[in-house]
C-alpha cells in the first residue's frame, strides 16, 4: 500500500516537473494601430502605470463685448481736455466754448476712433494745423528795406536779389457759382446761413449741432459738387436738432439704434441719407459704407418732415 502511494506521488511530481520545464510561450504580437481606438470592456486588464494621462484643455473663455461709452466733456482726462481747449482756441472762425467745440469734434468722423470717442493722434494733428493757419494769418508782412543816401550824392543802385524760382500758382478757389449753388441748397433745405471758412484740405463742412449756421470749406480746390452735397448733409444735422427738440443725447441714441452704429455715426449716416434723398450724390470717402434703404431711408424721411423716427 505504501509503495502504491509513493509511486503515485512520484508520478505526480514528475508530471509537475515536466510542465514547468516548458519554455515560456512567445508573447502575442501587438495589433496594428487603428485610426479608431477600441474601448475594452474587460475589467481584468489594468491600465499600465507608464501611460501618461492626456491633458484636458479647457475651452477658451468667450469674449464679451463691453458696451461703447462716449465720454462727455467732463469725463475727459485732463490731457485730452487741454487738447480740446487748444483746438477750440486754434480753430479758424470758431468763437465758442471748448465744451461746445467738443460736440463738433465728436460729429467729425475724421477726428474719432472706432469706438466713437475722440482720437488723440487725429486731434493733435488737427490742432497743429489750426495753429499753423493762425500763425500765417497773424504774421505781419515785412516792409521793403530802404537804403539811406548821403546828401548831394546819388543813391546807389539797389542790389538785385538772386533770382528765385517762381512760386507755384495757388489752386483756384471754388467759383462763385459753386458757392452760390451751395448757399442755395442750404437756404432751400433748412434755411441755414452759410459761413465760408478755410477748414483745410480734406474737409467739406461743419455744423454746431443745434445751431442754424453751416460752415463750408473755402479751401482752394474743393470740388463744387461736393460742396452741394456737404450743404445738404449739414442741413441734415440742422433738421435733426429740430426733429428731436434739440435733445442731442436722445437723437444720438435713437439714430444709432436704427442704423446699428455707435458714437456719432448714426447722426452722420442719417444726415447723408437726407442729402441723398434730396438728389445729391455722396462723392466723399464715406460713400458705399452705409445704406439708405429700408428703415434707414424711412428715418431720413421722418427727420426731413420734422418727426422723430
C-alpha atoms as a PDB file:
ATOM      1  CA  UNK A   1       0.000   0.000   0.000  1.00  0.00           C
ATOM      2  CA  UNK A   2       2.820   2.384   0.871  1.00  0.00           C
ATOM      3  CA  UNK A   3       4.578   1.528  -2.385  1.00  0.00           C
ATOM      4  CA  UNK A   4       1.492   2.362  -4.414  1.00  0.00           C
ATOM      5  CA  UNK A   5       1.055   5.679  -2.616  1.00  0.00           C
ATOM      6  CA  UNK A   6       4.704   6.572  -3.036  1.00  0.00           C
ATOM      7  CA  UNK A   7       4.529   5.677  -6.722  1.00  0.00           C
ATOM      8  CA  UNK A   8       1.522   7.918  -7.265  1.00  0.00           C
ATOM      9  CA  UNK A   9       3.221  10.828  -5.536  1.00  0.00           C
ATOM     10  CA  UNK A  10       6.349  10.297  -7.578  1.00  0.00           C
ATOM     11  CA  UNK A  11       4.349  10.191 -10.776  1.00  0.00           C
ATOM     12  CA  UNK A  12       2.546  13.402  -9.912  1.00  0.00           C
ATOM     13  CA  UNK A  13       5.844  15.099  -9.123  1.00  0.00           C
ATOM     14  CA  UNK A  14       7.231  14.008 -12.429  1.00  0.00           C
ATOM     15  CA  UNK A  15       4.270  15.434 -14.323  1.00  0.00           C
ATOM     16  CA  UNK A  16       4.576  18.714 -12.460  1.00  0.00           C
ATOM     17  CA  UNK A  17       8.265  18.957 -13.145  1.00  0.00           C
ATOM     18  CA  UNK A  18       7.641  18.251 -16.817  1.00  0.00           C
ATOM     19  CA  UNK A  19       5.033  21.002 -17.033  1.00  0.00           C
ATOM     20  CA  UNK A  20       7.292  23.637 -15.504  1.00  0.00           C
ATOM     21  CA  UNK A  21      10.181  22.790 -17.819  1.00  0.00           C
ATOM     22  CA  UNK A  22       8.352  24.234 -20.871  1.00  0.00           C
ATOM     23  CA  UNK A  23       9.909  27.416 -22.190  1.00  0.00           C
ATOM     24  CA  UNK A  24       7.558  30.405 -21.950  1.00  0.00           C
ATOM     25  CA  UNK A  25       5.181  30.935 -24.839  1.00  0.00           C
ATOM     26  CA  UNK A  26       6.023  33.834 -27.106  1.00  0.00           C
ATOM     27  CA  UNK A  27       4.027  36.961 -26.457  1.00  0.00           C
ATOM     28  CA  UNK A  28       1.163  37.590 -28.793  1.00  0.00           C
ATOM     29  CA  UNK A  29       2.006  40.217 -31.371  1.00  0.00           C
ATOM     30  CA  UNK A  30       0.521  43.592 -30.670  1.00  0.00           C
ATOM     31  CA  UNK A  31      -2.272  44.502 -33.047  1.00  0.00           C
ATOM     32  CA  UNK A  32      -1.567  47.120 -35.668  1.00  0.00           C
ATOM     33  CA  UNK A  33      -2.585  50.620 -34.611  1.00  0.00           C
ATOM     34  CA  UNK A  34      -6.046  51.591 -35.733  1.00  0.00           C
ATOM     35  CA  UNK A  35      -7.434  55.001 -36.525  1.00  0.00           C
ATOM     36  CA  UNK A  36     -10.239  54.273 -34.051  1.00  0.00           C
ATOM     37  CA  UNK A  37      -9.299  53.246 -30.531  1.00  0.00           C
ATOM     38  CA  UNK A  38     -11.216  50.219 -29.258  1.00  0.00           C
ATOM     39  CA  UNK A  39     -12.556  50.636 -25.773  1.00  0.00           C
ATOM     40  CA  UNK A  40     -12.110  47.404 -23.776  1.00  0.00           C
ATOM     41  CA  UNK A  41     -14.982  46.307 -21.568  1.00  0.00           C
ATOM     42  CA  UNK A  42     -12.843  43.764 -19.673  1.00  0.00           C
ATOM     43  CA  UNK A  43     -12.179  44.587 -16.041  1.00  0.00           C
ATOM     44  CA  UNK A  44      -9.196  42.240 -15.826  1.00  0.00           C
ATOM     45  CA  UNK A  45      -6.812  44.418 -17.880  1.00  0.00           C
ATOM     46  CA  UNK A  46      -5.300  47.110 -15.658  1.00  0.00           C
ATOM     47  CA  UNK A  47      -4.163  50.421 -17.136  1.00  0.00           C
ATOM     48  CA  UNK A  48      -0.346  50.452 -17.240  1.00  0.00           C
ATOM     49  CA  UNK A  49       1.278  52.974 -14.937  1.00  0.00           C
ATOM     50  CA  UNK A  50       3.640  54.193 -17.663  1.00  0.00           C
ATOM     51  CA  UNK A  51       0.843  55.503 -19.899  1.00  0.00           C
ATOM     52  CA  UNK A  52       0.592  59.301 -19.408  1.00  0.00           C
ATOM     53  CA  UNK A  53      -2.773  60.793 -18.712  1.00  0.00           C
ATOM     54  CA  UNK A  54      -3.775  63.133 -21.545  1.00  0.00           C
ATOM     55  CA  UNK A  55      -4.155  66.772 -20.580  1.00  0.00           C
ATOM     56  CA  UNK A  56      -7.644  68.152 -20.826  1.00  0.00           C
ATOM     57  CA  UNK A  57      -7.671  71.604 -22.348  1.00  0.00           C
ATOM     58  CA  UNK A  58     -10.333  73.915 -21.091  1.00  0.00           C
ATOM     59  CA  UNK A  59     -12.222  75.741 -23.832  1.00  0.00           C
ATOM     60  CA  UNK A  60     -11.199  79.388 -24.140  1.00  0.00           C
ATOM     61  CA  UNK A  61     -13.417  81.783 -22.314  1.00  0.00           C
ATOM     62  CA  UNK A  62     -15.811  83.606 -24.563  1.00  0.00           C
ATOM     63  CA  UNK A  63     -15.054  87.259 -25.041  1.00  0.00           C
ATOM     64  CA  UNK A  64     -17.801  89.573 -24.029  1.00  0.00           C
ATOM     65  CA  UNK A  65     -18.009  92.868 -25.820  1.00  0.00           C
ATOM     66  CA  UNK A  66     -18.252  95.801 -23.487  1.00  0.00           C
ATOM     67  CA  UNK A  67     -20.797  98.478 -24.380  1.00  0.00           C
ATOM     68  CA  UNK A  68     -19.334 101.504 -26.115  1.00  0.00           C
ATOM     69  CA  UNK A  69     -19.394 104.630 -23.965  1.00  0.00           C
ATOM     70  CA  UNK A  70     -18.955 108.101 -25.428  1.00  0.00           C
ATOM     71  CA  UNK A  71     -17.180 110.287 -22.897  1.00  0.00           C
ATOM     72  CA  UNK A  72     -18.720 113.639 -22.023  1.00  0.00           C
ATOM     73  CA  UNK A  73     -16.592 116.755 -21.817  1.00  0.00           C
ATOM     74  CA  UNK A  74     -16.461 116.477 -18.018  1.00  0.00           C
ATOM     75  CA  UNK A  75     -15.314 112.833 -18.242  1.00  0.00           C
ATOM     76  CA  UNK A  76     -12.274 113.606 -20.402  1.00  0.00           C
ATOM     77  CA  UNK A  77      -8.812 113.222 -18.939  1.00  0.00           C
ATOM     78  CA  UNK A  78      -7.009 116.481 -18.085  1.00  0.00           C
ATOM     79  CA  UNK A  79      -4.648 115.934 -21.022  1.00  0.00           C
ATOM     80  CA  UNK A  80      -7.476 115.359 -23.525  1.00  0.00           C
ATOM     81  CA  UNK A  81      -9.497 118.289 -22.165  1.00  0.00           C
ATOM     82  CA  UNK A  82      -6.453 120.537 -22.583  1.00  0.00           C
ATOM     83  CA  UNK A  83      -6.131 119.300 -26.172  1.00  0.00           C
ATOM     84  CA  UNK A  84      -9.802 120.126 -26.875  1.00  0.00           C
ATOM     85  CA  UNK A  85      -9.325 123.604 -25.391  1.00  0.00           C
ATOM     86  CA  UNK A  86      -6.263 124.119 -27.600  1.00  0.00           C
ATOM     87  CA  UNK A  87      -8.311 123.080 -30.618  1.00  0.00           C
ATOM     88  CA  UNK A  88     -11.105 125.473 -29.641  1.00  0.00           C
ATOM     89  CA  UNK A  89      -8.600 128.335 -29.438  1.00  0.00           C
ATOM     90  CA  UNK A  90      -6.883 127.435 -32.719  1.00  0.00           C
ATOM     91  CA  UNK A  91      -9.949 126.560 -34.830  1.00  0.00           C
ATOM     92  CA  UNK A  92     -10.290 129.187 -37.588  1.00  0.00           C
ATOM     93  CA  UNK A  93     -13.508 131.175 -37.236  1.00  0.00           C
ATOM     94  CA  UNK A  94     -14.573 129.475 -34.002  1.00  0.00           C
ATOM     95  CA  UNK A  95     -15.519 131.742 -31.092  1.00  0.00           C
ATOM     96  CA  UNK A  96     -17.481 129.352 -28.862  1.00  0.00           C
ATOM     97  CA  UNK A  97     -16.579 127.478 -25.695  1.00  0.00           C
ATOM     98  CA  UNK A  98     -14.392 124.383 -25.515  1.00  0.00           C
ATOM     99  CA  UNK A  99     -17.390 122.369 -24.303  1.00  0.00           C
ATOM    100  CA  UNK A 100     -19.420 123.283 -27.407  1.00  0.00           C
ATOM    101  CA  UNK A 101     -16.367 122.692 -29.600  1.00  0.00           C
ATOM    102  CA  UNK A 102     -16.102 119.162 -28.194  1.00  0.00           C
ATOM    103  CA  UNK A 103     -19.592 118.363 -29.542  1.00  0.00           C
ATOM    104  CA  UNK A 104     -18.466 119.470 -33.008  1.00  0.00           C
ATOM    105  CA  UNK A 105     -15.339 117.312 -32.802  1.00  0.00           C
ATOM    106  CA  UNK A 106     -17.482 114.264 -31.966  1.00  0.00           C
ATOM    107  CA  UNK A 107     -19.522 114.857 -35.130  1.00  0.00           C
ATOM    108  CA  UNK A 108     -16.412 114.779 -37.349  1.00  0.00           C
ATOM    109  CA  UNK A 109     -15.665 111.155 -38.401  1.00  0.00           C
ATOM    110  CA  UNK A 110     -12.042 112.066 -39.155  1.00  0.00           C
ATOM    111  CA  UNK A 111     -11.377 113.021 -35.533  1.00  0.00           C
ATOM    112  CA  UNK A 112     -12.856 109.995 -33.746  1.00  0.00           C
ATOM    113  CA  UNK A 113     -11.805 106.386 -33.186  1.00  0.00           C
ATOM    114  CA  UNK A 114     -13.845 103.292 -33.967  1.00  0.00           C
ATOM    115  CA  UNK A 115     -15.481 103.483 -30.534  1.00  0.00           C
ATOM    116  CA  UNK A 116     -16.825 106.968 -31.267  1.00  0.00           C
ATOM    117  CA  UNK A 117     -14.502 108.827 -28.880  1.00  0.00           C
ATOM    118  CA  UNK A 118     -12.004 111.488 -29.907  1.00  0.00           C
ATOM    119  CA  UNK A 119      -8.761 110.178 -31.410  1.00  0.00           C
ATOM    120  CA  UNK A 120      -5.830 111.777 -29.601  1.00  0.00           C
ATOM    121  CA  UNK A 121      -3.489 111.435 -32.590  1.00  0.00           C
ATOM    122  CA  UNK A 122      -6.017 112.863 -35.075  1.00  0.00           C
ATOM    123  CA  UNK A 123      -6.876 115.713 -32.706  1.00  0.00           C
ATOM    124  CA  UNK A 124      -3.215 116.623 -32.200  1.00  0.00           C
ATOM    125  CA  UNK A 125      -2.758 116.803 -35.976  1.00  0.00           C
ATOM    126  CA  UNK A 126      -5.866 118.982 -36.331  1.00  0.00           C
ATOM    127  CA  UNK A 127      -4.743 121.343 -33.555  1.00  0.00           C
ATOM    128  CA  UNK A 128      -1.305 121.692 -35.167  1.00  0.00           C
ATOM    129  CA  UNK A 129      -2.972 122.576 -38.480  1.00  0.00           C
ATOM    130  CA  UNK A 130      -5.214 125.181 -36.807  1.00  0.00           C
ATOM    131  CA  UNK A 131      -2.268 126.774 -35.041  1.00  0.00           C
ATOM    132  CA  UNK A 132      -0.277 126.958 -38.284  1.00  0.00           C
ATOM    133  CA  UNK A 133      -3.213 128.654 -40.031  1.00  0.00           C
ATOM    134  CA  UNK A 134      -3.475 131.173 -37.188  1.00  0.00           C
ATOM    135  CA  UNK A 135       0.248 131.949 -37.393  1.00  0.00           C
ATOM    136  CA  UNK A 136       0.068 132.504 -41.145  1.00  0.00           C
ATOM    137  CA  UNK A 137      -2.895 134.834 -40.704  1.00  0.00           C
ATOM    138  CA  UNK A 138      -1.327 136.870 -37.904  1.00  0.00           C
ATOM    139  CA  UNK A 139       2.221 137.100 -39.374  1.00  0.00           C
ATOM    140  CA  UNK A 140       2.811 140.741 -40.478  1.00  0.00           C
ATOM    141  CA  UNK A 141       4.180 141.342 -43.929  1.00  0.00           C
ATOM    142  CA  UNK A 142       7.771 142.644 -43.895  1.00  0.00           C
ATOM    143  CA  UNK A 143       8.153 146.210 -45.161  1.00  0.00           C
ATOM    144  CA  UNK A 144      10.547 146.677 -48.087  1.00  0.00           C
ATOM    145  CA  UNK A 145      14.059 147.622 -46.981  1.00  0.00           C
ATOM    146  CA  UNK A 146      15.159 151.205 -47.725  1.00  0.00           C
ATOM    147  CA  UNK A 147      18.723 152.483 -48.101  1.00  0.00           C
ATOM    148  CA  UNK A 148      19.690 155.981 -46.872  1.00  0.00           C
ATOM    149  CA  UNK A 149      21.886 158.023 -49.251  1.00  0.00           C
ATOM    150  CA  UNK A 150      24.338 160.812 -48.378  1.00  0.00           C
ATOM    151  CA  UNK A 151      23.313 164.400 -49.128  1.00  0.00           C
ATOM    152  CA  UNK A 152      24.120 165.589 -52.635  1.00  0.00           C
ATOM    153  CA  UNK A 153      25.168 162.135 -53.786  1.00  0.00           C
ATOM    154  CA  UNK A 154      23.010 159.965 -55.953  1.00  0.00           C
ATOM    155  CA  UNK A 155      21.623 156.962 -54.225  1.00  0.00           C
ATOM    156  CA  UNK A 156      23.393 153.780 -55.197  1.00  0.00           C
ATOM    157  CA  UNK A 157      21.514 151.396 -57.335  1.00  0.00           C
ATOM    158  CA  UNK A 158      19.788 148.770 -55.217  1.00  0.00           C
ATOM    159  CA  UNK A 159      21.296 145.350 -55.281  1.00  0.00           C
ATOM    160  CA  UNK A 160      19.278 142.833 -57.087  1.00  0.00           C
ATOM    161  CA  UNK A 161      18.307 139.816 -55.075  1.00  0.00           C
ATOM    162  CA  UNK A 162      19.316 136.487 -56.570  1.00  0.00           C
ATOM    163  CA  UNK A 163      16.740 135.132 -58.913  1.00  0.00           C
ATOM    164  CA  UNK A 164      14.368 132.687 -57.271  1.00  0.00           C
ATOM    165  CA  UNK A 165      12.182 130.102 -58.840  1.00  0.00           C
ATOM    166  CA  UNK A 166       8.644 131.408 -59.218  1.00  0.00           C
ATOM    167  CA  UNK A 167       6.257 130.192 -56.556  1.00  0.00           C
ATOM    168  CA  UNK A 168       3.695 127.689 -57.806  1.00  0.00           C
ATOM    169  CA  UNK A 169       0.370 129.223 -58.642  1.00  0.00           C
ATOM    170  CA  UNK A 170      -2.239 128.503 -55.953  1.00  0.00           C
ATOM    171  CA  UNK A 171      -5.067 126.197 -56.826  1.00  0.00           C
ATOM    172  CA  UNK A 172      -8.192 128.078 -57.850  1.00  0.00           C
ATOM    173  CA  UNK A 173     -10.773 128.709 -55.143  1.00  0.00           C
ATOM    174  CA  UNK A 174     -14.339 127.471 -55.659  1.00  0.00           C
ATOM    175  CA  UNK A 175     -16.015 129.589 -58.295  1.00  0.00           C
ATOM    176  CA  UNK A 176     -18.726 131.982 -57.119  1.00  0.00           C
ATOM    177  CA  UNK A 177     -21.267 129.901 -58.981  1.00  0.00           C
ATOM    178  CA  UNK A 178     -20.265 126.879 -56.843  1.00  0.00           C
ATOM    179  CA  UNK A 179     -20.636 128.863 -53.635  1.00  0.00           C
ATOM    180  CA  UNK A 180     -23.912 130.314 -54.789  1.00  0.00           C
ATOM    181  CA  UNK A 181     -25.210 126.819 -55.547  1.00  0.00           C
ATOM    182  CA  UNK A 182     -24.223 125.538 -52.095  1.00  0.00           C
ATOM    183  CA  UNK A 183     -25.805 128.556 -50.406  1.00  0.00           C
ATOM    184  CA  UNK A 184     -28.977 127.947 -52.411  1.00  0.00           C
ATOM    185  CA  UNK A 185     -29.073 124.320 -51.203  1.00  0.00           C
ATOM    186  CA  UNK A 186     -28.722 125.424 -47.579  1.00  0.00           C
ATOM    187  CA  UNK A 187     -31.463 128.022 -47.953  1.00  0.00           C
ATOM    188  CA  UNK A 188     -33.908 125.600 -49.591  1.00  0.00           C
ATOM    189  CA  UNK A 189     -33.287 122.514 -47.428  1.00  0.00           C
ATOM    190  CA  UNK A 190     -33.124 124.015 -43.946  1.00  0.00           C
ATOM    191  CA  UNK A 191     -32.957 127.810 -44.253  1.00  0.00           C
ATOM    192  CA  UNK A 192     -29.472 127.912 -42.713  1.00  0.00           C
ATOM    193  CA  UNK A 193     -26.900 130.647 -43.163  1.00  0.00           C
ATOM    194  CA  UNK A 194     -23.553 129.662 -44.695  1.00  0.00           C
ATOM    195  CA  UNK A 195     -20.158 130.750 -43.386  1.00  0.00           C
ATOM    196  CA  UNK A 196     -17.216 130.201 -45.736  1.00  0.00           C
ATOM    197  CA  UNK A 197     -14.016 129.271 -43.896  1.00  0.00           C
ATOM    198  CA  UNK A 198     -10.756 127.589 -44.811  1.00  0.00           C
ATOM    199  CA  UNK A 199     -11.198 124.306 -42.937  1.00  0.00           C
ATOM    200  CA  UNK A 200      -8.132 122.717 -44.506  1.00  0.00           C
ATOM    201  CA  UNK A 201      -7.687 120.051 -47.142  1.00  0.00           C
ATOM    202  CA  UNK A 202      -9.930 117.024 -46.861  1.00  0.00           C
ATOM    203  CA  UNK A 203     -12.820 118.740 -45.104  1.00  0.00           C
ATOM    204  CA  UNK A 204     -16.127 119.842 -46.599  1.00  0.00           C
ATOM    205  CA  UNK A 205     -18.255 121.374 -43.884  1.00  0.00           C
ATOM    206  CA  UNK A 206     -19.301 121.524 -40.247  1.00  0.00           C
ATOM    207  CA  UNK A 207     -22.348 122.326 -38.181  1.00  0.00           C
ATOM    208  CA  UNK A 208     -22.519 123.006 -34.487  1.00  0.00           C
ATOM    209  CA  UNK A 209     -25.450 120.766 -33.586  1.00  0.00           C
ATOM    210  CA  UNK A 210     -28.425 122.850 -32.526  1.00  0.00           C
ATOM    211  CA  UNK A 211     -27.491 125.983 -34.468  1.00  0.00           C
ATOM    212  CA  UNK A 212     -28.805 127.300 -37.778  1.00  0.00           C
ATOM    213  CA  UNK A 213     -25.361 128.033 -39.237  1.00  0.00           C
ATOM    214  CA  UNK A 214     -23.441 125.862 -41.700  1.00  0.00           C
ATOM    215  CA  UNK A 215     -19.688 126.220 -42.172  1.00  0.00           C
ATOM    216  CA  UNK A 216     -18.450 125.204 -45.626  1.00  0.00           C
ATOM    217  CA  UNK A 217     -14.849 124.879 -46.772  1.00  0.00           C
ATOM    218  CA  UNK A 218     -13.347 127.669 -48.849  1.00  0.00           C
ATOM    219  CA  UNK A 219     -10.046 125.793 -49.209  1.00  0.00           C
ATOM    220  CA  UNK A 220      -8.716 126.090 -52.783  1.00  0.00           C
ATOM    221  CA  UNK A 221      -9.573 123.143 -54.935  1.00  0.00           C
ATOM    222  CA  UNK A 222     -12.641 121.965 -53.030  1.00  0.00           C
ATOM    223  CA  UNK A 223     -14.947 120.272 -55.612  1.00  0.00           C
ATOM    224  CA  UNK A 224     -18.122 122.256 -56.249  1.00  0.00           C
ATOM    225  CA  UNK A 225     -20.285 119.152 -56.478  1.00  0.00           C
ATOM    226  CA  UNK A 226     -19.000 118.039 -53.093  1.00  0.00           C
ATOM    227  CA  UNK A 227     -19.920 121.429 -51.641  1.00  0.00           C
ATOM    228  CA  UNK A 228     -23.544 120.994 -52.665  1.00  0.00           C
ATOM    229  CA  UNK A 229     -23.672 117.559 -51.024  1.00  0.00           C
ATOM    230  CA  UNK A 230     -21.950 118.984 -47.945  1.00  0.00           C
ATOM    231  CA  UNK A 231     -24.545 121.751 -47.679  1.00  0.00           C
ATOM    232  CA  UNK A 232     -27.394 119.219 -47.823  1.00  0.00           C
ATOM    233  CA  UNK A 233     -25.596 116.920 -45.353  1.00  0.00           C
ATOM    234  CA  UNK A 234     -25.018 119.691 -42.807  1.00  0.00           C
ATOM    235  CA  UNK A 235     -28.649 120.751 -43.264  1.00  0.00           C
ATOM    236  CA  UNK A 236     -29.483 117.199 -42.196  1.00  0.00           C
ATOM    237  CA  UNK A 237     -27.933 117.959 -38.797  1.00  0.00           C
ATOM    238  CA  UNK A 238     -29.983 121.159 -38.534  1.00  0.00           C
ATOM    239  CA  UNK A 239     -33.159 119.161 -39.257  1.00  0.00           C
ATOM    240  CA  UNK A 240     -32.143 116.516 -36.700  1.00  0.00           C
ATOM    241  CA  UNK A 241     -31.926 119.109 -33.941  1.00  0.00           C
ATOM    242  CA  UNK A 242     -35.382 120.419 -34.811  1.00  0.00           C
ATOM    243  CA  UNK A 243     -36.986 116.965 -35.020  1.00  0.00           C
ATOM    244  CA  UNK A 244     -35.587 115.895 -31.637  1.00  0.00           C
ATOM    245  CA  UNK A 245     -36.343 119.218 -29.917  1.00  0.00           C
ATOM    246  CA  UNK A 246     -32.599 119.931 -29.626  1.00  0.00           C
ATOM    247  CA  UNK A 247     -32.067 116.866 -27.402  1.00  0.00           C
ATOM    248  CA  UNK A 248     -28.669 115.661 -28.634  1.00  0.00           C
ATOM    249  CA  UNK A 249     -28.462 112.569 -26.402  1.00  0.00           C
ATOM    250  CA  UNK A 250     -31.880 111.281 -27.478  1.00  0.00           C
ATOM    251  CA  UNK A 251     -31.151 111.902 -31.167  1.00  0.00           C
ATOM    252  CA  UNK A 252     -27.793 110.143 -30.961  1.00  0.00           C
ATOM    253  CA  UNK A 253     -29.189 107.093 -29.154  1.00  0.00           C
ATOM    254  CA  UNK A 254     -32.248 106.760 -31.408  1.00  0.00           C
ATOM    255  CA  UNK A 255     -30.360 107.051 -34.705  1.00  0.00           C
ATOM    256  CA  UNK A 256     -27.624 104.659 -33.563  1.00  0.00           C
ATOM    257  CA  UNK A 257     -30.337 102.128 -32.735  1.00  0.00           C
ATOM    258  CA  UNK A 258     -31.856 102.484 -36.226  1.00  0.00           C
ATOM    259  CA  UNK A 259     -28.599 102.434 -38.205  1.00  0.00           C
ATOM    260  CA  UNK A 260     -26.870  99.855 -35.997  1.00  0.00           C
ATOM    261  CA  UNK A 261     -23.971 102.202 -35.235  1.00  0.00           C
ATOM    262  CA  UNK A 262     -22.268 103.835 -32.269  1.00  0.00           C
ATOM    263  CA  UNK A 263     -20.835 107.214 -31.379  1.00  0.00           C
ATOM    264  CA  UNK A 264     -21.855 109.877 -33.892  1.00  0.00           C
ATOM    265  CA  UNK A 265     -22.136 107.523 -36.871  1.00  0.00           C
ATOM    266  CA  UNK A 266     -25.914 107.301 -36.662  1.00  0.00           C
ATOM    267  CA  UNK A 267     -26.184 111.090 -36.864  1.00  0.00           C
ATOM    268  CA  UNK A 268     -23.753 111.193 -39.794  1.00  0.00           C
ATOM    269  CA  UNK A 269     -25.399 108.416 -41.801  1.00  0.00           C
ATOM    270  CA  UNK A 270     -28.854 109.895 -41.252  1.00  0.00           C
ATOM    271  CA  UNK A 271     -27.636 113.295 -42.490  1.00  0.00           C
ATOM    272  CA  UNK A 272     -26.089 111.680 -45.577  1.00  0.00           C
ATOM    273  CA  UNK A 273     -29.313 109.768 -46.287  1.00  0.00           C
ATOM    274  CA  UNK A 274     -31.237 113.047 -46.054  1.00  0.00           C
ATOM    275  CA  UNK A 275     -28.897 114.599 -48.645  1.00  0.00           C
ATOM    276  CA  UNK A 276     -29.177 111.560 -50.925  1.00  0.00           C
ATOM    277  CA  UNK A 277     -32.978 111.580 -50.656  1.00  0.00           C
ATOM    278  CA  UNK A 278     -32.860 115.160 -51.966  1.00  0.00           C
ATOM    279  CA  UNK A 279     -30.941 114.030 -55.062  1.00  0.00           C
ATOM    280  CA  UNK A 280     -27.354 114.908 -54.080  1.00  0.00           C
ATOM    281  CA  UNK A 281     -24.688 112.262 -54.680  1.00  0.00           C
ATOM    282  CA  UNK A 282     -22.182 111.410 -51.977  1.00  0.00           C
ATOM    283  CA  UNK A 283     -18.733 111.877 -53.537  1.00  0.00           C
ATOM    284  CA  UNK A 284     -16.832 111.608 -50.242  1.00  0.00           C
ATOM    285  CA  UNK A 285     -14.726 108.706 -48.998  1.00  0.00           C
ATOM    286  CA  UNK A 286     -17.685 107.543 -46.886  1.00  0.00           C
ATOM    287  CA  UNK A 287     -19.792 106.614 -49.912  1.00  0.00           C
ATOM    288  CA  UNK A 288     -20.677 102.952 -50.081  1.00  0.00           C
ATOM    289  CA  UNK A 289     -20.108 102.395 -46.357  1.00  0.00           C
ATOM    290  CA  UNK A 290     -23.756 102.850 -45.397  1.00  0.00           C
ATOM    291  CA  UNK A 291     -27.218 102.101 -46.741  1.00  0.00           C
ATOM    292  CA  UNK A 292     -30.248 104.349 -47.083  1.00  0.00           C
ATOM    293  CA  UNK A 293     -32.691 101.541 -47.847  1.00  0.00           C
ATOM    294  CA  UNK A 294     -35.493 100.272 -45.626  1.00  0.00           C
ATOM    295  CA  UNK A 295     -35.702 101.724 -42.147  1.00  0.00           C
ATOM    296  CA  UNK A 296     -32.605 103.869 -42.798  1.00  0.00           C
ATOM    297  CA  UNK A 297     -34.355 105.735 -45.597  1.00  0.00           C
ATOM    298  CA  UNK A 298     -37.568 105.925 -43.574  1.00  0.00           C
ATOM    299  CA  UNK A 299     -35.649 107.570 -40.721  1.00  0.00           C
ATOM    300  CA  UNK A 300     -34.237 110.166 -43.129  1.00  0.00           C
ATOM    301  CA  UNK A 301     -37.729 110.921 -44.472  1.00  0.00           C
ATOM    302  CA  UNK A 302     -39.081 111.304 -40.930  1.00  0.00           C
ATOM    303  CA  UNK A 303     -36.383 113.784 -39.908  1.00  0.00           C
ATOM    304  CA  UNK A 304     -36.891 115.759 -43.140  1.00  0.00           C
ATOM    305  CA  UNK A 305     -40.564 116.164 -42.246  1.00  0.00           C
ATOM    306  CA  UNK A 306     -39.754 117.239 -38.676  1.00  0.00           C
ATOM    307  CA  UNK A 307     -40.690 113.949 -36.990  1.00  0.00           C
ATOM    308  CA  UNK A 308     -38.671 111.626 -34.789  1.00  0.00           C
ATOM    309  CA  UNK A 309     -38.228 108.228 -36.483  1.00  0.00           C
END
